Protein backbone atom coordinates (compact mmCIF):
# COMPACT_ATOMS: atom_id res chain seq x y z
CA UNK A 1 -26.13 15.78 36.21
CA UNK A 2 -25.30 17.33 32.84
CA UNK A 3 -24.39 20.83 31.68
CA UNK A 4 -23.89 21.89 28.07
CA UNK A 5 -23.26 25.19 26.35
CA UNK A 6 -22.83 26.52 22.84
CA UNK A 7 -21.59 29.79 21.42
CA UNK A 8 -21.67 30.49 17.70
CA UNK A 9 -20.14 33.34 15.76
CA UNK A 10 -19.86 34.32 12.14
CA UNK A 11 -16.71 32.27 11.62
CA UNK A 12 -16.40 30.08 14.71
CA UNK A 13 -18.35 27.77 17.04
CA UNK A 14 -17.64 26.47 20.53
CA UNK A 15 -19.41 23.61 22.35
CA UNK A 16 -18.81 22.66 25.98
CA UNK A 17 -20.28 19.74 27.91
CA UNK A 18 -19.83 18.39 31.43
CA UNK A 19 -21.49 15.31 32.90
CA UNK A 20 -21.41 13.88 36.42
CA UNK A 21 -22.62 10.40 37.40
CA UNK A 22 -22.71 9.53 41.11
CA UNK A 23 -24.01 5.97 41.61
CA UNK A 24 -24.92 4.61 45.05
CA UNK A 25 -26.06 0.98 45.32
CA UNK A 26 -26.46 -0.31 48.91
CA UNK A 27 -27.43 -3.78 47.64
CA UNK A 28 -24.36 -4.03 45.39
CA UNK A 29 -21.31 -2.22 46.84
CA UNK A 30 -19.24 -3.24 43.81
CA UNK A 31 -21.43 -0.94 41.70
CA UNK A 32 -20.63 2.26 43.64
CA UNK A 33 -18.68 4.87 41.67
CA UNK A 34 -18.63 8.43 40.41
CA UNK A 35 -17.52 9.61 36.98
CA UNK A 36 -16.78 12.96 35.35
CA UNK A 37 -16.87 13.68 31.60
CA UNK A 38 -15.67 16.88 29.95
CA UNK A 39 -15.90 17.56 26.23
CA UNK A 40 -14.97 20.72 24.32
CA UNK A 41 -15.18 21.27 20.55
CA UNK A 42 -14.02 24.38 18.66
CA UNK A 43 -14.15 25.11 14.93
CA UNK A 44 -12.98 28.23 13.11
CA UNK A 45 -12.99 29.41 9.48
CA UNK A 46 -10.23 31.84 8.58
CA UNK A 47 -8.09 33.06 5.69
CA UNK A 48 -8.56 35.71 2.97
CA UNK A 49 -11.77 34.08 1.68
CA UNK A 50 -12.47 31.88 4.73
CA UNK A 51 -10.93 29.04 2.75
CA UNK A 52 -9.20 27.52 5.77
CA UNK A 53 -10.78 25.63 8.65
CA UNK A 54 -9.35 24.58 12.00
CA UNK A 55 -11.15 21.95 14.12
CA UNK A 56 -10.12 21.14 17.69
CA UNK A 57 -11.61 18.72 20.21
CA UNK A 58 -10.84 17.76 23.81
CA UNK A 59 -12.38 14.83 25.68
CA UNK A 60 -11.64 13.64 29.22
CA UNK A 61 -13.33 10.90 31.24
CA UNK A 62 -12.46 9.93 34.81
CA UNK A 63 -14.05 7.24 36.95
CA UNK A 64 -13.43 6.57 40.67
CA UNK A 65 -14.74 3.74 42.80
CA UNK A 66 -15.76 0.58 40.95
CA UNK A 67 -13.53 -0.11 37.90
CA UNK A 68 -11.49 3.11 38.20
CA UNK A 69 -9.82 4.57 35.15
CA UNK A 70 -9.47 7.55 32.86
CA UNK A 71 -9.40 8.38 29.15
CA UNK A 72 -8.01 11.48 27.44
CA UNK A 73 -8.30 12.43 23.76
CA UNK A 74 -7.08 15.55 21.96
CA UNK A 75 -7.54 16.06 18.21
CA UNK A 76 -6.55 18.82 15.78
CA UNK A 77 -7.53 19.12 12.13
CA UNK A 78 -6.62 21.71 9.50
CA UNK A 79 -8.34 21.92 6.09
CA UNK A 80 -6.97 24.20 3.35
CA UNK A 81 -8.84 25.00 0.13
CA UNK A 82 -5.93 26.14 -2.07
CA UNK A 83 -8.20 26.40 -5.12
CA UNK A 84 -11.74 25.35 -5.95
CA UNK A 85 -10.35 22.06 -7.34
CA UNK A 86 -7.44 21.46 -4.92
CA UNK A 87 -7.44 20.97 -1.14
CA UNK A 88 -5.27 19.43 1.57
CA UNK A 89 -6.00 18.09 5.08
CA UNK A 90 -3.71 17.72 8.10
CA UNK A 91 -4.79 15.85 11.23
CA UNK A 92 -3.26 14.82 14.56
CA UNK A 93 -4.80 12.79 17.39
CA UNK A 94 -3.50 11.94 20.84
CA UNK A 95 -5.27 9.55 23.19
CA UNK A 96 -4.39 7.87 26.47
CA UNK A 97 -6.31 5.38 28.57
CA UNK A 98 -5.41 4.40 32.13
CA UNK A 99 -7.00 1.35 33.77
CA UNK A 100 -6.17 -1.68 35.90
CA UNK A 101 -4.58 -3.22 32.77
CA UNK A 102 -2.10 -0.33 32.52
CA UNK A 103 -1.62 2.77 30.39
CA UNK A 104 -2.13 2.76 26.61
CA UNK A 105 -1.07 5.78 24.54
CA UNK A 106 -1.75 6.46 20.85
CA UNK A 107 -0.28 9.15 18.59
CA UNK A 108 -1.66 9.39 15.05
CA UNK A 109 -0.94 11.89 12.26
CA UNK A 110 -2.21 12.02 8.68
CA UNK A 111 -1.97 14.15 5.54
CA UNK A 112 -4.54 14.10 2.73
CA UNK A 113 -4.70 15.63 -0.74
CA UNK A 114 -7.75 16.16 -2.97
CA UNK A 115 -7.69 17.27 -6.62
CA UNK A 116 -10.48 17.45 -9.21
CA UNK A 117 -9.86 17.72 -12.96
CA UNK A 118 -12.68 19.20 -15.07
CA UNK A 119 -15.24 17.81 -12.59
CA UNK A 120 -14.76 14.35 -14.12
CA UNK A 121 -11.61 12.94 -12.52
CA UNK A 122 -10.96 13.14 -8.77
CA UNK A 123 -7.59 12.20 -7.28
CA UNK A 124 -6.99 11.51 -3.59
CA UNK A 125 -3.70 10.81 -1.80
CA UNK A 126 -3.39 9.98 1.90
CA UNK A 127 -0.48 9.17 4.22
CA UNK A 128 -0.82 8.15 7.87
CA UNK A 129 1.43 7.18 10.75
CA UNK A 130 0.39 5.68 14.11
CA UNK A 131 2.42 4.85 17.22
CA UNK A 132 0.71 2.84 19.99
CA UNK A 133 2.36 2.19 23.34
CA UNK A 134 0.86 -0.66 25.40
CA UNK A 135 1.88 -1.95 28.84
CA UNK A 136 3.55 -4.91 27.08
CA UNK A 137 5.25 -3.09 24.18
CA UNK A 138 4.50 -0.94 21.17
CA UNK A 139 3.13 -1.11 17.63
CA UNK A 140 4.06 1.25 14.78
CA UNK A 141 1.97 1.59 11.63
CA UNK A 142 2.71 3.50 8.42
CA UNK A 143 0.31 3.59 5.49
CA UNK A 144 -0.33 5.31 2.20
CA UNK A 145 -3.30 5.22 -0.16
CA UNK A 146 -4.11 6.64 -3.59
CA UNK A 147 -7.46 6.77 -5.34
CA UNK A 148 -8.91 7.81 -8.71
CA UNK A 149 -12.61 8.42 -9.37
CA UNK A 150 -13.97 9.12 -12.87
CA UNK A 151 -17.58 10.17 -13.58
CA UNK A 152 -19.30 11.00 -16.85
CA UNK A 153 -22.87 12.06 -17.62
CA UNK A 154 -24.93 9.85 -19.93
CA UNK A 155 -28.17 10.21 -21.86
CA UNK A 156 -31.49 10.01 -20.01
CA UNK A 157 -30.03 11.68 -16.87
CA UNK A 158 -27.66 8.78 -16.32
CA UNK A 159 -24.11 8.62 -15.05
CA UNK A 160 -21.18 6.28 -15.64
CA UNK A 161 -18.52 5.96 -12.95
CA UNK A 162 -15.32 4.03 -12.40
CA UNK A 163 -12.94 4.27 -9.48
CA UNK A 164 -9.82 2.50 -8.37
CA UNK A 165 -7.65 2.59 -5.26
CA UNK A 166 -4.34 1.17 -4.07
CA UNK A 167 -2.87 1.09 -0.59
CA UNK A 168 0.23 -0.10 1.23
CA UNK A 169 0.62 -0.43 5.01
CA UNK A 170 3.42 -1.66 7.27
CA UNK A 171 2.72 -2.85 10.84
CA UNK A 172 5.64 -3.45 13.19
CA UNK A 173 4.94 -5.29 16.47
CA UNK A 174 7.36 -5.17 19.38
CA UNK A 175 5.66 -6.83 22.34
CA UNK A 176 6.78 -8.91 25.29
CA UNK A 177 3.49 -10.86 25.31
CA UNK A 178 1.49 -12.76 22.69
CA UNK A 179 -1.77 -11.13 23.76
CA UNK A 180 -3.04 -7.57 24.23
CA UNK A 181 -5.73 -6.42 26.64
CA UNK A 182 -8.67 -4.21 25.65
CA UNK A 183 -10.56 -2.45 28.47
CA UNK A 184 -14.16 -1.17 28.20
CA UNK A 185 -14.50 -1.15 24.42
CA UNK A 186 -17.82 0.69 23.80
CA UNK A 187 -20.70 -0.93 21.89
CA UNK A 188 -24.49 -0.58 21.71
CA UNK A 189 -27.04 -3.37 22.00
CA UNK A 190 -29.16 -3.86 18.84
CA UNK A 191 -32.62 -2.20 18.76
CA UNK A 192 -34.33 -5.61 18.48
CA UNK A 193 -32.94 -8.83 19.99
CA UNK A 194 -32.99 -12.23 18.32
CA UNK A 195 -32.60 -13.37 14.71
CA UNK A 196 -28.81 -13.17 15.01
CA UNK A 197 -28.75 -9.42 15.81
CA UNK A 198 -25.55 -8.34 17.54
CA UNK A 199 -22.18 -6.64 17.02
CA UNK A 200 -18.58 -7.66 16.33
CA UNK A 201 -15.62 -6.76 18.51
CA UNK A 202 -13.09 -4.35 16.99
CA UNK A 203 -10.04 -6.64 17.05
CA UNK A 204 -9.49 -10.04 15.41
CA UNK A 205 -8.29 -13.24 17.10
CA UNK A 206 -10.15 -12.56 20.36
CA UNK A 207 -9.53 -15.03 23.19
CA UNK A 208 -13.20 -15.69 23.91
CA UNK A 209 -12.66 -16.99 27.44
CA UNK A 210 -11.38 -13.51 28.44
CA UNK A 211 -14.53 -11.60 27.39
CA UNK A 212 -16.19 -9.60 30.18
CA UNK A 213 -19.16 -7.37 29.28
CA UNK A 214 -21.00 -4.76 31.36
CA UNK A 215 -24.29 -2.98 30.71
CA UNK A 216 -23.70 0.69 31.57
CA UNK A 217 -27.17 2.12 30.91
CA UNK A 218 -27.93 5.15 33.09
CA UNK A 219 -24.39 5.26 34.47
CA UNK A 220 -24.67 1.86 36.17
CA UNK A 221 -22.25 -1.03 35.60
CA UNK A 222 -24.03 -4.39 35.55
CA UNK A 223 -22.04 -7.56 34.80
CA UNK A 224 -23.56 -9.76 32.08
CA UNK A 225 -23.24 -13.54 31.82
CA UNK A 226 -22.37 -15.71 28.80
CA UNK A 227 -25.21 -18.03 27.64
CA UNK A 228 -27.58 -16.22 30.03
CA UNK A 229 -27.44 -12.69 28.59
CA UNK A 230 -25.56 -13.29 25.34
CA UNK A 231 -23.89 -15.90 23.13
CA UNK A 232 -20.80 -15.75 20.89
CA UNK A 233 -20.50 -16.46 17.17
CA UNK A 234 -17.25 -16.67 15.21
CA UNK A 235 -17.21 -14.89 11.83
CA UNK A 236 -13.82 -15.49 10.27
CA UNK A 237 -11.20 -13.86 12.49
CA UNK A 238 -13.82 -11.67 14.22
CA UNK A 239 -16.01 -12.47 17.24
CA UNK A 240 -19.69 -11.49 17.28
CA UNK A 241 -21.69 -10.95 20.49
CA UNK A 242 -25.41 -11.73 20.20
CA UNK A 243 -27.61 -10.57 23.14
CA UNK A 244 -30.33 -13.05 24.09
CA UNK A 245 -34.01 -12.02 24.12
CA UNK A 246 -34.54 -13.42 27.63
CA UNK A 247 -31.78 -11.34 29.23
CA UNK A 248 -32.83 -9.42 32.33
CA UNK A 249 -29.63 -7.33 32.29
CA UNK A 250 -29.31 -6.19 28.66
CA UNK A 251 -32.08 -4.17 27.01
CA UNK A 252 -32.36 -2.94 23.41
CA UNK A 253 -30.02 -0.02 22.57
CA UNK A 254 -28.30 -0.17 25.98
CA UNK A 255 -24.69 1.09 26.00
CA UNK A 256 -22.26 -1.77 26.67
CA UNK A 257 -18.58 -1.97 27.59
CA UNK A 258 -16.56 -5.07 26.67
CA UNK A 259 -13.12 -6.01 27.99
CA UNK A 260 -11.12 -8.85 26.46
CA UNK A 261 -7.72 -10.02 25.26
CA UNK A 262 -6.74 -10.80 21.68
CA UNK A 263 -3.81 -12.74 20.27
CA UNK A 264 -0.90 -11.12 18.40
CA UNK A 265 2.45 -12.20 17.05
CA UNK A 266 4.76 -10.27 19.44
CA UNK A 267 7.63 -9.67 16.98
CA UNK A 268 5.90 -9.71 13.60
CA UNK A 269 6.53 -7.01 11.02
CA UNK A 270 4.25 -7.33 8.01
CA UNK A 271 2.85 -5.41 5.06
CA UNK A 272 -0.69 -5.18 3.73
CA UNK A 273 -1.27 -4.40 0.06
CA UNK A 274 -4.79 -3.47 -1.00
CA UNK A 275 -6.21 -2.96 -4.49
CA UNK A 276 -9.78 -2.03 -5.35
CA UNK A 277 -11.84 -1.15 -8.38
CA UNK A 278 -15.52 -0.40 -8.94
CA UNK A 279 -17.51 0.49 -12.04
CA UNK A 280 -21.19 1.02 -12.73
CA UNK A 281 -23.99 3.03 -14.25
CA UNK A 282 -26.71 4.96 -12.44
CA UNK A 283 -29.99 6.13 -14.03
CA UNK A 284 -33.10 7.54 -12.31
CA UNK A 285 -34.84 4.15 -12.67
CA UNK A 286 -32.02 1.58 -12.77
CA UNK A 287 -28.46 1.12 -11.42
CA UNK A 288 -25.86 -1.63 -11.72
CA UNK A 289 -22.29 -1.99 -10.42
CA UNK A 290 -19.40 -4.41 -10.03
CA UNK A 291 -16.66 -4.13 -7.38
CA UNK A 292 -13.45 -6.07 -6.83
CA UNK A 293 -11.31 -5.82 -3.66
CA UNK A 294 -7.99 -7.55 -3.04
CA UNK A 295 -5.94 -7.62 0.17
CA UNK A 296 -2.62 -9.42 0.62
CA UNK A 297 -0.49 -9.60 3.79
CA UNK A 298 3.20 -10.57 3.73
CA UNK A 299 5.70 -11.04 6.56
CA UNK A 300 8.67 -8.64 6.42
CA UNK A 301 10.46 -9.80 9.57
CA UNK A 302 10.13 -12.81 11.88
CA UNK A 303 8.41 -16.07 11.00
CA UNK A 304 4.68 -15.45 11.16
CA UNK A 305 2.04 -17.92 12.22
CA UNK A 306 -0.34 -18.39 9.26
CA UNK A 307 -3.31 -17.31 11.35
CA UNK A 308 -2.02 -13.72 11.67
CA UNK A 309 -1.62 -13.08 7.92
CA UNK A 310 -4.90 -12.83 6.02
CA UNK A 311 -5.26 -12.74 2.24
CA UNK A 312 -8.69 -11.78 0.92
CA UNK A 313 -10.40 -11.56 -2.47
CA UNK A 314 -13.89 -10.08 -2.76
CA UNK A 315 -16.19 -9.69 -5.77
CA UNK A 316 -19.52 -7.86 -5.40
CA UNK A 317 -22.35 -7.40 -7.94
CA UNK A 318 -25.32 -5.08 -7.33
CA UNK A 319 -28.43 -4.29 -9.34
CA UNK A 320 -31.25 -1.90 -8.44
CA UNK A 321 -34.62 -0.92 -9.92
CA UNK A 322 -36.48 2.15 -8.64
CA UNK A 323 -39.29 4.45 -9.73
CA UNK A 324 -41.73 7.00 -8.35
CA UNK A 325 -45.33 7.54 -9.41
CA UNK A 326 -46.60 10.73 -7.74
CA UNK A 327 -47.14 9.67 -4.11
CA UNK A 328 -45.84 6.10 -4.57
CA UNK A 329 -42.17 5.15 -4.55
CA UNK A 330 -40.87 1.64 -5.20
CA UNK A 331 -37.36 0.18 -5.00
CA UNK A 332 -35.89 -3.30 -5.41
CA UNK A 333 -32.25 -4.35 -5.05
CA UNK A 334 -30.29 -7.57 -5.49
CA UNK A 335 -26.65 -8.19 -4.64
CA UNK A 336 -24.29 -11.13 -4.90
CA UNK A 337 -20.95 -11.35 -3.08
CA UNK A 338 -18.12 -13.89 -3.37
CA UNK A 339 -15.49 -13.85 -0.61
CA UNK A 340 -12.37 -16.00 -0.67
CA UNK A 341 -9.81 -15.62 2.12
CA UNK A 342 -7.37 -17.59 4.21
CA UNK A 343 -9.82 -17.35 7.14
CA UNK A 344 -13.27 -17.93 5.64
CA UNK A 345 -14.94 -18.42 2.25
CA UNK A 346 -18.54 -17.38 1.63
CA UNK A 347 -21.11 -16.74 -1.10
CA UNK A 348 -23.91 -14.34 -0.20
CA UNK A 349 -27.15 -13.16 -1.82
CA UNK A 350 -28.96 -10.05 -0.58
CA UNK A 351 -32.41 -8.94 -1.70
CA UNK A 352 -34.21 -5.77 -0.65
CA UNK A 353 -37.63 -4.27 -1.37
CA UNK A 354 -39.26 -0.98 -0.45
CA UNK A 355 -42.73 0.40 -1.19
CA UNK A 356 -43.60 3.87 0.13
CA UNK A 357 -46.85 5.87 -0.08
CA UNK A 358 -47.03 9.56 0.89
CA UNK A 359 -50.48 11.01 0.07
CA UNK A 360 -49.75 14.18 2.08
CA UNK A 361 -46.68 15.98 3.35
CA UNK A 362 -47.53 14.98 6.93
CA UNK A 363 -48.29 11.27 6.34
CA UNK A 364 -45.92 8.49 5.17
CA UNK A 365 -46.59 4.74 5.03
CA UNK A 366 -44.09 2.19 3.85
CA UNK A 367 -43.38 -1.53 3.81
CA UNK A 368 -39.90 -3.00 3.38
CA UNK A 369 -38.36 -6.42 3.08
CA UNK A 370 -34.83 -7.80 3.32
CA UNK A 371 -33.45 -11.28 2.69
CA UNK A 372 -29.83 -12.29 3.30
CA UNK A 373 -28.63 -15.79 2.31
CA UNK A 374 -25.05 -16.82 3.08
CA UNK A 375 -23.29 -20.09 2.29
CA UNK A 376 -19.90 -21.02 3.80
CA UNK A 377 -18.59 -23.82 1.53
CA UNK A 378 -15.56 -24.75 3.62
CA UNK A 379 -17.57 -25.08 6.84
CA UNK A 380 -20.76 -26.76 5.58
CA UNK A 381 -22.58 -23.83 7.13
CA UNK A 382 -25.54 -21.77 5.95
CA UNK A 383 -27.06 -18.61 7.42
CA UNK A 384 -30.37 -17.16 6.19
CA UNK A 385 -32.34 -14.21 7.50
CA UNK A 386 -35.67 -12.72 6.40
CA UNK A 387 -37.29 -9.45 7.44
CA UNK A 388 -40.52 -7.67 6.59
CA UNK A 389 -41.52 -4.40 8.27
CA UNK A 390 -44.28 -1.85 7.92
CA UNK A 391 -44.38 1.69 9.32
CA UNK A 392 -46.82 4.60 9.38
CA UNK A 393 -45.64 8.08 10.42
CA UNK A 394 -47.93 11.07 10.97
CA UNK A 395 -46.60 14.55 11.66
CA UNK A 396 -49.37 16.66 13.15
CA UNK A 397 -49.41 20.41 13.79
CA UNK A 398 -48.25 21.91 17.10
CA UNK A 399 -45.19 19.64 17.39
CA UNK A 400 -47.04 16.28 17.67
CA UNK A 401 -45.91 13.18 15.76
CA UNK A 402 -47.06 9.55 15.87
CA UNK A 403 -45.03 6.57 14.60
CA UNK A 404 -46.31 2.99 14.43
CA UNK A 405 -44.59 -0.17 13.22
CA UNK A 406 -45.10 -3.91 12.84
CA UNK A 407 -42.53 -6.47 11.71
CA UNK A 408 -41.59 -10.11 11.29
CA UNK A 409 -38.05 -11.54 11.36
CA UNK A 410 -36.83 -15.07 10.79
CA UNK A 411 -33.28 -16.36 11.19
CA UNK A 412 -31.70 -19.76 10.50
CA UNK A 413 -28.05 -20.66 11.01
CA UNK A 414 -26.51 -24.12 11.21
CA UNK A 415 -23.97 -22.83 13.79
CA UNK A 416 -26.33 -21.10 16.26
CA UNK A 417 -29.99 -21.58 17.23
CA UNK A 418 -32.70 -20.40 14.82
CA UNK A 419 -35.07 -17.62 15.82
CA UNK A 420 -38.37 -16.03 14.86
CA UNK A 421 -39.66 -12.64 16.01
CA UNK A 422 -42.96 -10.78 15.68
CA UNK A 423 -43.10 -7.22 17.02
CA UNK A 424 -45.20 -4.08 16.87
CA UNK A 425 -45.32 -0.74 18.65
CA UNK A 426 -46.24 2.91 18.71
CA UNK A 427 -44.32 6.04 19.74
CA UNK A 428 -45.71 9.52 20.28
CA UNK A 429 -43.63 12.68 20.49
CA UNK A 430 -44.85 16.09 21.52
CA UNK A 431 -42.49 19.07 21.44
CA UNK A 432 -43.55 22.33 23.03
CA UNK A 433 -41.03 25.14 23.42
CA UNK A 434 -38.21 23.61 25.54
CA UNK A 435 -40.14 20.49 26.56
CA UNK A 436 -40.19 17.09 24.79
CA UNK A 437 -42.60 14.34 25.91
CA UNK A 438 -42.27 10.93 24.25
CA UNK A 439 -44.32 7.92 25.46
CA UNK A 440 -43.93 4.58 23.67
CA UNK A 441 -45.27 1.03 23.77
CA UNK A 442 -43.75 -2.11 22.16
CA UNK A 443 -44.85 -5.75 22.06
CA UNK A 444 -42.38 -8.46 20.96
CA UNK A 445 -42.92 -12.22 20.69
CA UNK A 446 -39.83 -14.43 20.39
CA UNK A 447 -41.02 -17.63 18.71
CA UNK A 448 -43.76 -18.03 21.33
CA UNK A 449 -41.15 -18.89 23.98
CA UNK A 450 -40.98 -15.35 25.36
CA UNK A 451 -43.21 -12.28 25.11
CA UNK A 452 -41.72 -8.90 25.96
CA UNK A 453 -44.04 -5.94 26.62
CA UNK A 454 -42.47 -2.56 27.29
CA UNK A 455 -43.83 0.87 28.08
CA UNK A 456 -41.61 3.91 28.29
CA UNK A 457 -42.02 7.61 29.01
CA UNK A 458 -39.24 10.08 28.25
CA UNK A 459 -39.47 13.73 29.27
CA UNK A 460 -36.71 16.13 28.24
CA UNK A 461 -36.42 19.74 29.39
CA UNK A 462 -33.97 22.04 27.62
CA UNK A 463 -32.93 24.92 29.84
CA UNK A 464 -31.07 27.03 27.29
């Protein structure tokens, strides 16, 4: 059950939302629970010329029964336009989660400054402080960052740009344990399974044998199984979860919750210095850029294990051609990336193509391609993916639209099994007053070892 409301004024807006889930499962008593979610958002413009803005948000989630717990988040943000070329931002966020693993509290505050000189040079300054209290100790983080961005118009409607940034951050750990627990980290399953599609967990150095993942589609809580519903892939210090096409528990775009533990140095205090620079030119028909990023971590107290300090050097080159001839638009991009770090080294090529045809305002057809080739020299590993996809969209009168697609994906990786996918489908949407009706049909073949056929009907009624 869900209720939502909105009230808008000349200078302010308020949104309220409440949701109740009450799940009864006689066949699986462990999946019986009820949950309540409350969210409120308020924004207000004020000041002599409405040059000030205050944003407030409140979020509370409580679950009883299976996997009980709660989460509270309160955020405040103030934006001040002192002049047309000078502004400042002030933000504060408080959050607290309570679960079987204990109570975790986070306080974060930040200040930002923006200044623009003659519309060519933009300066940004930011400072941030975070205090996190875990059941096994606390972590304090302080950081500052400065950035400069210069832009200049060129002949033939072109633009030259160059920007640079520098940052410094100090993290101070004070824990009684060498691992921290994460409970119900939210993720979403990819829209199409196979070909290496998945997501990475938010924290590095995950202890993979502690991973527990639930599918929570429709308010349920279904336990998933490693090597039956998903597999794991290590990408440097991060862990990637790849749902398997044959899973009966995980479906495309399902909401997922992942709990796990990750390793930390319990008494390490360290700094992270970052430097970045990017320059390029952009014309209506061609664009080129070069970017360099550098990150260096240094121990300030305690003797750190080498695995917890990561130095990284990244160089990225990009080139793009694009043009439009009346109803036809074409675009082609190529990028090359060199990554050297203490965790992983890689060289990557990326190619992209797009051809679009729009003979009328209500009809669009396009075909796109993407190729991603990665080589990991230190691991004797290669990963290649190829994608081609075609779509046709028709927007008819009286709120009716029809979307069709067909695609082919191929994936090869020396560390995980290769895959090949052919899919096609159609989706209709009809909107009439407060009613939306959207039937869809998809057909997916996973390298001839599995064929997935899905039909879906969604009906939405808006009451207010």
